[in-house]
Amino acid sequence: MPLRVIARAGADDIAVVYLAEIDGRPIECVESTQPTLSREEKWVLMVSTLYGCPVGCAMCDAGGDYRGRIPAEGILAQIDHLVLSRYPD
């Protein structure tokens, strides 16, 4: 399942957010570190598992546009992208 990156923003030493598409639907994934630890000590990957959100909490702008679950292949594509972006070999 192809992942198409649309935009990348952030600081490499703290966090990088990727806006991407899977099957033409927008998703986001993030790689970050904990400020007091090195990337080798703690590297955090955050991936999307849903297209949108079904909850619709008042304090959040992610709800209200739920389009279903991202298939396992799409979740793994996000992980592959994050790992290969940082460690391309």
PDB file of N, CA and C in Angstrom:
ATOM      1  N   MET A   1       0.859  -1.169   0.000  1.00  0.00           N
ATOM      2  CA  MET A   1       0.000   0.000   0.000  1.00  0.00           C
ATOM      3  C   MET A   1       0.904   1.231   0.000  1.00  0.00           C
ATOM      4  N   PRO A   2       0.873   2.014  -1.068  1.00  0.00           N
ATOM      5  CA  PRO A   2       1.790   3.150  -1.174  1.00  0.00           C
ATOM      6  C   PRO A   2       1.422   4.313  -0.250  1.00  0.00           C
ATOM      7  N   LEU A   3       2.468   4.913   0.284  1.00  0.00           N
ATOM      8  CA  LEU A   3       2.355   6.104   1.124  1.00  0.00           C
ATOM      9  C   LEU A   3       2.951   7.254   0.323  1.00  0.00           C
ATOM     10  N   ARG A   4       2.208   8.319   0.130  1.00  0.00           N
ATOM     11  CA  ARG A   4       2.715   9.480  -0.600  1.00  0.00           C
ATOM     12  C   ARG A   4       2.837  10.643   0.366  1.00  0.00           C
ATOM     13  N   VAL A   5       4.083  11.081   0.614  1.00  0.00           N
ATOM     14  CA  VAL A   5       4.326  12.205   1.519  1.00  0.00           C
ATOM     15  C   VAL A   5       4.006  13.505   0.787  1.00  0.00           C
ATOM     16  N   ILE A   6       3.196  14.335   1.429  1.00  0.00           N
ATOM     17  CA  ILE A   6       2.789  15.622   0.869  1.00  0.00           C
ATOM     18  C   ILE A   6       3.635  16.751   1.445  1.00  0.00           C
ATOM     19  N   ALA A   7       3.924  16.681   2.745  1.00  0.00           N
ATOM     20  CA  ALA A   7       4.685  17.741   3.408  1.00  0.00           C
ATOM     21  C   ALA A   7       5.431  17.171   4.604  1.00  0.00           C
ATOM     22  N   ARG A   8       6.505  17.862   4.958  1.00  0.00           N
ATOM     23  CA  ARG A   8       7.333  17.503   6.109  1.00  0.00           C
ATOM     24  C   ARG A   8       7.613  18.786   6.869  1.00  0.00           C
ATOM     25  N   ALA A   9       7.461  18.760   8.192  1.00  0.00           N
ATOM     26  CA  ALA A   9       7.723  19.951   8.999  1.00  0.00           C
ATOM     27  C   ALA A   9       8.285  19.531  10.342  1.00  0.00           C
ATOM     28  N   GLY A  10       9.105  20.399  10.919  1.00  0.00           N
ATOM     29  CA  GLY A  10       9.632  20.137  12.249  1.00  0.00           C
ATOM     30  C   GLY A  10      11.128  20.331  12.315  1.00  0.00           C
ATOM     31  N   ALA A  11      11.677  19.946  13.445  1.00  0.00           N
ATOM     32  CA  ALA A  11      13.113  20.050  13.701  1.00  0.00           C
ATOM     33  C   ALA A  11      13.661  18.651  13.948  1.00  0.00           C
ATOM     34  N   ASP A  12      14.688  18.272  13.203  1.00  0.00           N
ATOM     35  CA  ASP A  12      15.231  16.912  13.292  1.00  0.00           C
ATOM     36  C   ASP A  12      15.647  16.510  14.699  1.00  0.00           C
ATOM     37  N   ASP A  13      16.060  17.460  15.511  1.00  0.00           N
ATOM     38  CA  ASP A  13      16.528  17.103  16.850  1.00  0.00           C
ATOM     39  C   ASP A  13      15.392  16.951  17.868  1.00  0.00           C
ATOM     40  N   ILE A  14      14.156  17.298  17.478  1.00  0.00           N
ATOM     41  CA  ILE A  14      13.020  17.180  18.404  1.00  0.00           C
ATOM     42  C   ILE A  14      11.911  16.309  17.813  1.00  0.00           C
ATOM     43  N   ALA A  15      11.297  16.770  16.730  1.00  0.00           N
ATOM     44  CA  ALA A  15      10.192  16.018  16.119  1.00  0.00           C
ATOM     45  C   ALA A  15       9.998  16.440  14.670  1.00  0.00           C
ATOM     46  N   VAL A  16       9.617  15.480  13.850  1.00  0.00           N
ATOM     47  CA  VAL A  16       9.291  15.739  12.453  1.00  0.00           C
ATOM     48  C   VAL A  16       7.909  15.145  12.183  1.00  0.00           C
ATOM     49  N   VAL A  17       7.037  15.975  11.622  1.00  0.00           N
ATOM     50  CA  VAL A  17       5.680  15.555  11.283  1.00  0.00           C
ATOM     51  C   VAL A  17       5.593  15.413   9.768  1.00  0.00           C
ATOM     52  N   TYR A  18       5.029  14.308   9.325  1.00  0.00           N
ATOM     53  CA  TYR A  18       4.807  14.072   7.901  1.00  0.00           C
ATOM     54  C   TYR A  18       3.311  14.072   7.637  1.00  0.00           C
ATOM     55  N   LEU A  19       2.883  14.880   6.692  1.00  0.00           N
ATOM     56  CA  LEU A  19       1.524  14.819   6.187  1.00  0.00           C
ATOM     57  C   LEU A  19       1.609  13.973   4.930  1.00  0.00           C
ATOM     58  N   ALA A  20       0.788  12.938   4.854  1.00  0.00           N
ATOM     59  CA  ALA A  20       0.878  11.998   3.743  1.00  0.00           C
ATOM     60  C   ALA A  20      -0.511  11.556   3.313  1.00  0.00           C
ATOM     61  N   GLU A  21      -0.540  10.742   2.267  1.00  0.00           N
ATOM     62  CA  GLU A  21      -1.784  10.150   1.791  1.00  0.00           C
ATOM     63  C   GLU A  21      -1.613   8.648   1.640  1.00  0.00           C
ATOM     64  N   ILE A  22      -2.650   7.928   1.991  1.00  0.00           N
ATOM     65  CA  ILE A  22      -2.758   6.504   1.703  1.00  0.00           C
ATOM     66  C   ILE A  22      -4.095   6.345   0.988  1.00  0.00           C
ATOM     67  N   ASP A  23      -4.072   5.778  -0.198  1.00  0.00           N
ATOM     68  CA  ASP A  23      -5.298   5.637  -1.002  1.00  0.00           C
ATOM     69  C   ASP A  23      -6.005   6.974  -1.205  1.00  0.00           C
ATOM     70  N   GLY A  24      -5.223   8.058  -1.326  1.00  0.00           N
ATOM     71  CA  GLY A  24      -5.802   9.375  -1.554  1.00  0.00           C
ATOM     72  C   GLY A  24      -6.414  10.031  -0.338  1.00  0.00           C
ATOM     73  N   ARG A  25      -6.283   9.409   0.827  1.00  0.00           N
ATOM     74  CA  ARG A  25      -6.842   9.961   2.068  1.00  0.00           C
ATOM     75  C   ARG A  25      -5.716  10.509   2.936  1.00  0.00           C
ATOM     76  N   PRO A  26      -5.908  11.675   3.558  1.00  0.00           N
ATOM     77  CA  PRO A  26      -4.836  12.268   4.361  1.00  0.00           C
ATOM     78  C   PRO A  26      -4.613  11.538   5.683  1.00  0.00           C
ATOM     79  N   ILE A  27      -3.341  11.413   6.036  1.00  0.00           N
ATOM     80  CA  ILE A  27      -2.932  10.861   7.332  1.00  0.00           C
ATOM     81  C   ILE A  27      -1.725  11.661   7.804  1.00  0.00           C
ATOM     82  N   GLU A  28      -1.318  11.437   9.045  1.00  0.00           N
ATOM     83  CA  GLU A  28      -0.091  12.047   9.543  1.00  0.00           C
ATOM     84  C   GLU A  28       0.676  11.016  10.346  1.00  0.00           C
ATOM     85  N   CYS A  29       2.001  11.138  10.303  1.00  0.00           N
ATOM     86  CA  CYS A  29       2.857  10.307  11.142  1.00  0.00           C
ATOM     87  C   CYS A  29       4.011  11.174  11.628  1.00  0.00           C
ATOM     88  N   VAL A  30       4.567  10.796  12.767  1.00  0.00           N
ATOM     89  CA  VAL A  30       5.554  11.637  13.451  1.00  0.00           C
ATOM     90  C   VAL A  30       6.685  10.775  13.972  1.00  0.00           C
ATOM     91  N   GLU A  31       7.902  11.313  13.905  1.00  0.00           N
ATOM     92  CA  GLU A  31       9.024  10.705  14.618  1.00  0.00           C
ATOM     93  C   GLU A  31       9.602  11.761  15.534  1.00  0.00           C
ATOM     94  N   SER A  32       9.915  11.357  16.766  1.00  0.00           N
ATOM     95  CA  SER A  32      10.402  12.335  17.737  1.00  0.00           C
ATOM     96  C   SER A  32      11.338  11.684  18.741  1.00  0.00           C
ATOM     97  N   THR A  33      11.930  12.546  19.538  1.00  0.00           N
ATOM     98  CA  THR A  33      12.767  12.092  20.645  1.00  0.00           C
ATOM     99  C   THR A  33      12.233  12.722  21.924  1.00  0.00           C
ATOM    100  N   GLN A  34      12.665  12.181  23.032  1.00  0.00           N
ATOM    101  CA  GLN A  34      12.370  12.822  24.315  1.00  0.00           C
ATOM    102  C   GLN A  34      13.507  13.801  24.559  1.00  0.00           C
ATOM    103  N   PRO A  35      13.217  15.078  24.799  1.00  0.00           N
ATOM    104  CA  PRO A  35      14.272  16.093  24.867  1.00  0.00           C
ATOM    105  C   PRO A  35      15.459  15.763  25.769  1.00  0.00           C
ATOM    106  N   THR A  36      15.244  15.052  26.845  1.00  0.00           N
ATOM    107  CA  THR A  36      16.371  14.768  27.742  1.00  0.00           C
ATOM    108  C   THR A  36      17.151  13.524  27.341  1.00  0.00           C
ATOM    109  N   LEU A  37      16.674  12.798  26.334  1.00  0.00           N
ATOM    110  CA  LEU A  37      17.329  11.554  25.925  1.00  0.00           C
ATOM    111  C   LEU A  37      17.756  11.623  24.464  1.00  0.00           C
ATOM    112  N   SER A  38      18.773  10.857  24.125  1.00  0.00           N
ATOM    113  CA  SER A  38      19.206  10.797  22.731  1.00  0.00           C
ATOM    114  C   SER A  38      18.267   9.891  21.941  1.00  0.00           C
ATOM    115  N   ARG A  39      18.342   9.997  20.628  1.00  0.00           N
ATOM    116  CA  ARG A  39      17.515   9.140  19.771  1.00  0.00           C
ATOM    117  C   ARG A  39      17.841   7.663  20.005  1.00  0.00           C
ATOM    118  N   GLU A  40      19.089   7.358  20.297  1.00  0.00           N
ATOM    119  CA  GLU A  40      19.483   5.979  20.571  1.00  0.00           C
ATOM    120  C   GLU A  40      18.860   5.460  21.867  1.00  0.00           C
ATOM    121  N   GLU A  41      18.596   6.365  22.811  1.00  0.00           N
ATOM    122  CA  GLU A  41      17.980   5.964  24.078  1.00  0.00           C
ATOM    123  C   GLU A  41      16.457   5.845  23.974  1.00  0.00           C
ATOM    124  N   LYS A  42      15.843   6.759  23.214  1.00  0.00           N
ATOM    125  CA  LYS A  42      14.389   6.713  23.069  1.00  0.00           C
ATOM    126  C   LYS A  42      13.978   7.408  21.780  1.00  0.00           C
ATOM    127  N   TRP A  43      13.521   6.614  20.854  1.00  0.00           N
ATOM    128  CA  TRP A  43      13.031   7.120  19.570  1.00  0.00           C
ATOM    129  C   TRP A  43      11.552   6.782  19.498  1.00  0.00           C
ATOM    130  N   VAL A  44      10.722   7.776  19.278  1.00  0.00           N
ATOM    131  CA  VAL A  44       9.275   7.593  19.317  1.00  0.00           C
ATOM    132  C   VAL A  44       8.699   7.742  17.909  1.00  0.00           C
ATOM    133  N   LEU A  45       7.933   6.742  17.481  1.00  0.00           N
ATOM    134  CA  LEU A  45       7.224   6.800  16.206  1.00  0.00           C
ATOM    135  C   LEU A  45       5.729   6.818  16.498  1.00  0.00           C
ATOM    136  N   MET A  46       5.026   7.770  15.903  1.00  0.00           N
ATOM    137  CA  MET A  46       3.569   7.850  16.046  1.00  0.00           C
ATOM    138  C   MET A  46       2.962   7.703  14.660  1.00  0.00           C
ATOM    139  N   VAL A  47       2.037   6.767  14.522  1.00  0.00           N
ATOM    140  CA  VAL A  47       1.424   6.507  13.225  1.00  0.00           C
ATOM    141  C   VAL A  47      -0.094   6.631  13.325  1.00  0.00           C
ATOM    142  N   SER A  48      -0.705   6.931  12.203  1.00  0.00           N
ATOM    143  CA  SER A  48      -2.164   6.985  12.141  1.00  0.00           C
ATOM    144  C   SER A  48      -2.712   5.577  11.987  1.00  0.00           C
ATOM    145  N   THR A  49      -3.805   5.296  12.685  1.00  0.00           N
ATOM    146  CA  THR A  49      -4.481   4.004  12.563  1.00  0.00           C
ATOM    147  C   THR A  49      -5.902   4.156  12.029  1.00  0.00           C
ATOM    148  N   LEU A  50      -6.380   5.400  11.962  1.00  0.00           N
ATOM    149  CA  LEU A  50      -7.723   5.692  11.459  1.00  0.00           C
ATOM    150  C   LEU A  50      -7.647   6.840  10.462  1.00  0.00           C
ATOM    151  N   TYR A  51      -8.556   6.851   9.503  1.00  0.00           N
ATOM    152  CA  TYR A  51      -8.734   8.015   8.643  1.00  0.00           C
ATOM    153  C   TYR A  51      -9.704   8.927   9.374  1.00  0.00           C
ATOM    154  N   GLY A  52      -9.199   9.997   9.986  1.00  0.00           N
ATOM    155  CA  GLY A  52     -10.042  10.872  10.787  1.00  0.00           C
ATOM    156  C   GLY A  52     -10.290  10.270  12.155  1.00  0.00           C
ATOM    157  N   CYS A  53     -11.324  10.767  12.833  1.00  0.00           N
ATOM    158  CA  CYS A  53     -11.638  10.292  14.181  1.00  0.00           C
ATOM    159  C   CYS A  53     -13.152  10.256  14.373  1.00  0.00           C
ATOM    160  N   PRO A  54     -13.680   9.173  14.936  1.00  0.00           N
ATOM    161  CA  PRO A  54     -15.127   9.069  15.122  1.00  0.00           C
ATOM    162  C   PRO A  54     -15.663   9.754  16.377  1.00  0.00           C
ATOM    163  N   VAL A  55     -14.787  10.272  17.242  1.00  0.00           N
ATOM    164  CA  VAL A  55     -15.230  10.745  18.550  1.00  0.00           C
ATOM    165  C   VAL A  55     -15.808  12.156  18.504  1.00  0.00           C
ATOM    166  N   GLY A  56     -15.091  13.124  17.975  1.00  0.00           N
ATOM    167  CA  GLY A  56     -15.604  14.482  17.883  1.00  0.00           C
ATOM    168  C   GLY A  56     -15.563  15.271  19.176  1.00  0.00           C
ATOM    169  N   CYS A  57     -14.491  15.151  19.946  1.00  0.00           N
ATOM    170  CA  CYS A  57     -14.344  15.917  21.190  1.00  0.00           C
ATOM    171  C   CYS A  57     -14.345  17.418  20.890  1.00  0.00           C
ATOM    172  N   ALA A  58     -14.935  18.205  21.778  1.00  0.00           N
ATOM    173  CA  ALA A  58     -15.063  19.647  21.570  1.00  0.00           C
ATOM    174  C   ALA A  58     -13.718  20.357  21.493  1.00  0.00           C
ATOM    175  N   MET A  59     -12.699  19.849  22.203  1.00  0.00           N
ATOM    176  CA  MET A  59     -11.419  20.550  22.241  1.00  0.00           C
ATOM    177  C   MET A  59     -10.472  20.125  21.118  1.00  0.00           C
ATOM    178  N   CYS A  60     -10.914  19.246  20.213  1.00  0.00           N
ATOM    179  CA  CYS A  60     -10.022  18.683  19.201  1.00  0.00           C
ATOM    180  C   CYS A  60     -10.572  18.926  17.801  1.00  0.00           C
ATOM    181  N   ASP A  61      -9.681  19.221  16.861  1.00  0.00           N
ATOM    182  CA  ASP A  61     -10.125  19.450  15.482  1.00  0.00           C
ATOM    183  C   ASP A  61     -10.035  18.198  14.613  1.00  0.00           C
ATOM    184  N   ALA A  62      -9.669  17.053  15.177  1.00  0.00           N
ATOM    185  CA  ALA A  62      -9.515  15.830  14.385  1.00  0.00           C
ATOM    186  C   ALA A  62     -10.820  15.077  14.175  1.00  0.00           C
ATOM    187  N   GLY A  63     -11.795  15.311  14.996  1.00  0.00           N
ATOM    188  CA  GLY A  63     -13.047  14.559  14.901  1.00  0.00           C
ATOM    189  C   GLY A  63     -13.985  15.089  13.834  1.00  0.00           C
ATOM    190  N   GLY A  64     -15.025  14.328  13.585  1.00  0.00           N
ATOM    191  CA  GLY A  64     -16.054  14.772  12.668  1.00  0.00           C
ATOM    192  C   GLY A  64     -15.854  14.378  11.223  1.00  0.00           C
ATOM    193  N   ASP A  65     -14.737  13.780  10.876  1.00  0.00           N
ATOM    194  CA  ASP A  65     -14.492  13.389   9.492  1.00  0.00           C
ATOM    195  C   ASP A  65     -13.949  11.965   9.454  1.00  0.00           C
ATOM    196  N   TYR A  66     -14.587  11.079  10.164  1.00  0.00           N
ATOM    197  CA  TYR A  66     -14.132   9.687  10.250  1.00  0.00           C
ATOM    198  C   TYR A  66     -14.414   8.956   8.944  1.00  0.00           C
ATOM    199  N   ARG A  67     -13.371   8.330   8.383  1.00  0.00           N
ATOM    200  CA  ARG A  67     -13.496   7.620   7.111  1.00  0.00           C
ATOM    201  C   ARG A  67     -13.076   6.158   7.206  1.00  0.00           C
ATOM    202  N   GLY A  68     -12.955   5.630   8.417  1.00  0.00           N
ATOM    203  CA  GLY A  68     -12.637   4.215   8.577  1.00  0.00           C
ATOM    204  C   GLY A  68     -11.231   3.948   9.073  1.00  0.00           C
ATOM    205  N   ARG A  69     -10.930   2.669   9.161  1.00  0.00           N
ATOM    206  CA  ARG A  69      -9.627   2.215   9.657  1.00  0.00           C
ATOM    207  C   ARG A  69      -8.606   2.149   8.530  1.00  0.00           C
ATOM    208  N   ILE A  70      -7.368   2.448   8.876  1.00  0.00           N
ATOM    209  CA  ILE A  70      -6.269   2.272   7.931  1.00  0.00           C
ATOM    210  C   ILE A  70      -5.876   0.797   7.961  1.00  0.00           C
ATOM    211  N   PRO A  71      -5.797   0.142   6.797  1.00  0.00           N
ATOM    212  CA  PRO A  71      -5.396  -1.269   6.783  1.00  0.00           C
ATOM    213  C   PRO A  71      -3.992  -1.462   7.351  1.00  0.00           C
ATOM    214  N   ALA A  72      -3.707  -2.669   7.812  1.00  0.00           N
ATOM    215  CA  ALA A  72      -2.395  -2.980   8.396  1.00  0.00           C
ATOM    216  C   ALA A  72      -1.261  -2.590   7.455  1.00  0.00           C
ATOM    217  N   GLU A  73      -1.437  -2.795   6.155  1.00  0.00           N
ATOM    218  CA  GLU A  73      -0.386  -2.444   5.194  1.00  0.00           C
ATOM    219  C   GLU A  73      -0.092  -0.948   5.213  1.00  0.00           C
ATOM    220  N   GLY A  74      -1.112  -0.133   5.430  1.00  0.00           N
ATOM    221  CA  GLY A  74      -0.927   1.313   5.505  1.00  0.00           C
ATOM    222  C   GLY A  74      -0.203   1.737   6.770  1.00  0.00           C
ATOM    223  N   ILE A  75      -0.477   1.058   7.862  1.00  0.00           N
ATOM    224  CA  ILE A  75       0.223   1.342   9.123  1.00  0.00           C
ATOM    225  C   ILE A  75       1.689   0.947   8.992  1.00  0.00           C
ATOM    226  N   LEU A  76       1.946  -0.220   8.415  1.00  0.00           N
ATOM    227  CA  LEU A  76       3.330  -0.664   8.211  1.00  0.00           C
ATOM    228  C   LEU A  76       4.064   0.240   7.225  1.00  0.00           C
ATOM    229  N   ALA A  77       3.372   0.780   6.222  1.00  0.00           N
ATOM    230  CA  ALA A  77       3.995   1.709   5.275  1.00  0.00           C
ATOM    231  C   ALA A  77       4.465   2.973   5.988  1.00  0.00           C
ATOM    232  N   GLN A  78       3.704   3.438   6.976  1.00  0.00           N
ATOM    233  CA  GLN A  78       4.121   4.610   7.752  1.00  0.00           C
ATOM    234  C   GLN A  78       5.391   4.311   8.547  1.00  0.00           C
ATOM    235  N   ILE A  79       5.424   3.155   9.187  1.00  0.00           N
ATOM    236  CA  ILE A  79       6.608   2.765   9.963  1.00  0.00           C
ATOM    237  C   ILE A  79       7.814   2.645   9.043  1.00  0.00           C
ATOM    238  N   ASP A  80       7.643   1.984   7.903  1.00  0.00           N
ATOM    239  CA  ASP A  80       8.741   1.863   6.939  1.00  0.00           C
ATOM    240  C   ASP A  80       9.252   3.233   6.525  1.00  0.00           C
ATOM    241  N   HIS A  81       8.336   4.157   6.239  1.00  0.00           N
ATOM    242  CA  HIS A  81       8.750   5.498   5.820  1.00  0.00           C
ATOM    243  C   HIS A  81       9.555   6.200   6.916  1.00  0.00           C
ATOM    244  N   LEU A  82       9.070   6.152   8.143  1.00  0.00           N
ATOM    245  CA  LEU A  82       9.768   6.822   9.242  1.00  0.00           C
ATOM    246  C   LEU A  82      11.151   6.224   9.464  1.00  0.00           C
ATOM    247  N   VAL A  83      11.256   4.920   9.459  1.00  0.00           N
ATOM    248  CA  VAL A  83      12.549   4.262   9.680  1.00  0.00           C
ATOM    249  C   VAL A  83      13.505   4.569   8.530  1.00  0.00           C
ATOM    250  N   LEU A  84      13.046   4.419   7.289  1.00  0.00           N
ATOM    251  CA  LEU A  84      13.930   4.644   6.145  1.00  0.00           C
ATOM    252  C   LEU A  84      14.299   6.114   5.965  1.00  0.00           C
ATOM    253  N   SER A  85      13.452   7.032   6.425  1.00  0.00           N
ATOM    254  CA  SER A  85      13.800   8.457   6.365  1.00  0.00           C
ATOM    255  C   SER A  85      14.947   8.784   7.305  1.00  0.00           C
ATOM    256  N   ARG A  86      14.998   8.115   8.433  1.00  0.00           N
ATOM    257  CA  ARG A  86      16.042   8.362   9.431  1.00  0.00           C
ATOM    258  C   ARG A  86      17.277   7.489   9.184  1.00  0.00           C
ATOM    259  N   TYR A  87      17.055   6.251   8.793  1.00  0.00           N
ATOM    260  CA  TYR A  87      18.137   5.273   8.596  1.00  0.00           C
ATOM    261  C   TYR A  87      17.992   4.651   7.208  1.00  0.00           C
ATOM    262  N   PRO A  88      18.459   5.342   6.157  1.00  0.00           N
ATOM    263  CA  PRO A  88      18.188   4.916   4.784  1.00  0.00           C
ATOM    264  C   PRO A  88      18.914   3.663   4.297  1.00  0.00           C
ATOM    265  N   ASP A  89      19.850   3.141   5.039  1.00  0.00           N
ATOM    266  CA  ASP A  89      20.574   1.971   4.525  1.00  0.00           C
ATOM    267  C   ASP A  89      19.748   0.749   4.738  1.00  0.00           C
TER     268      ASP A  89
END
